[in-house]
Amino acid sequence: MKFENLRANWRLWLLGLVVALAGVVIARVAAPHYTGKTQTVLVSIGRLISFAGLFFIALGIKRRMSNTDKENP
């Protein structure tokens, strides 16, 4: 397994992981402490932030795959 591509894209992976975890913390840890509309809004925001983190990880994978395709014509 080649780790050069992972080293080149580690910032996107780390950013995605941190953002996704922040969203999970908002949705699963912070939101239950509130009730009503505030809880619903926090859960929704947490889920959106988590999906944004997964999007950044997907960008890292896409960049890694495109770099692999360039190396192996």
Protein backbone atom coordinates (compact mmCIF):
# COMPACT_ATOMS: atom_id res chain seq x y z
CA MET A 1 0.00 0.00 0.00
CA LYS A 2 1.31 3.40 -0.93
CA PHE A 3 1.22 6.00 1.82
CA GLU A 4 2.52 8.87 -0.30
CA ASN A 5 -1.00 9.80 -1.38
CA LEU A 6 -2.28 9.61 2.17
CA ARG A 7 0.54 11.85 3.35
CA ALA A 8 -0.25 14.32 0.58
CA ASN A 9 -3.93 14.52 1.56
CA TRP A 10 -3.71 14.15 5.34
CA ARG A 11 -5.08 17.66 5.88
CA LEU A 12 -8.39 16.81 4.21
CA TRP A 13 -8.63 13.57 6.16
CA LEU A 14 -7.90 15.29 9.46
CA LEU A 15 -10.26 18.18 8.71
CA GLY A 16 -13.02 15.75 7.77
CA LEU A 17 -12.51 13.69 10.90
CA VAL A 18 -12.53 16.70 13.21
CA VAL A 19 -15.58 18.29 11.56
CA ALA A 20 -17.52 15.00 11.58
CA LEU A 21 -16.70 14.39 15.23
CA ALA A 22 -17.75 17.93 16.13
CA GLY A 23 -21.09 17.32 14.46
CA VAL A 24 -21.57 14.08 16.36
CA VAL A 25 -20.75 15.80 19.65
CA ILE A 26 -23.30 18.54 18.92
CA ALA A 27 -26.01 16.07 17.89
CA ARG A 28 -25.43 13.38 20.50
CA VAL A 29 -23.93 15.14 23.51
CA ALA A 30 -25.10 18.75 23.50
CA ALA A 31 -28.60 18.43 22.02
CA PRO A 32 -30.09 16.09 24.66
CA HIS A 33 -29.52 18.77 27.31
CA TYR A 34 -32.10 20.97 25.63
CA THR A 35 -35.77 20.48 24.92
CA GLY A 36 -38.21 21.41 22.20
CA LYS A 37 -37.21 23.44 19.19
CA THR A 38 -33.67 24.08 20.46
CA GLN A 39 -32.98 20.37 20.62
CA THR A 40 -34.33 19.84 17.11
CA VAL A 41 -32.19 22.67 15.73
CA LEU A 42 -29.04 21.38 17.46
CA VAL A 43 -29.59 17.85 16.20
CA SER A 44 -30.12 19.14 12.66
CA ILE A 45 -27.02 21.34 12.81
CA GLY A 46 -24.97 18.46 14.23
CA ARG A 47 -26.07 16.15 11.45
CA LEU A 48 -25.29 18.72 8.78
CA ILE A 49 -21.84 19.31 10.25
CA SER A 50 -21.22 15.55 10.35
CA PHE A 51 -22.16 15.23 6.69
CA ALA A 52 -19.83 18.13 5.89
CA GLY A 53 -17.01 16.22 7.59
CA LEU A 54 -17.80 13.14 5.54
CA PHE A 55 -17.76 15.34 2.45
CA PHE A 56 -14.21 16.50 3.27
CA ILE A 57 -13.13 12.88 3.72
CA ALA A 58 -14.70 12.05 0.35
CA LEU A 59 -12.71 14.89 -1.22
CA GLY A 60 -9.56 13.38 0.24
CA ILE A 61 -10.43 10.00 -1.23
CA LYS A 62 -11.24 11.55 -4.61
CA ARG A 63 -7.94 13.41 -4.67
CA ARG A 64 -6.10 10.26 -3.65
CA MET A 65 -7.78 8.25 -6.40
CA SER A 66 -7.03 10.88 -9.04
CA ASN A 67 -3.38 10.91 -7.97
CA THR A 68 -3.28 7.11 -8.24
CA ASP A 69 -4.82 7.24 -11.73
CA LYS A 70 -2.14 9.71 -12.87
CA GLU A 71 0.63 7.44 -11.60
CA ASN A 72 -0.79 4.32 -13.30
CA PRO A 73 -1.79 5.22 -16.89
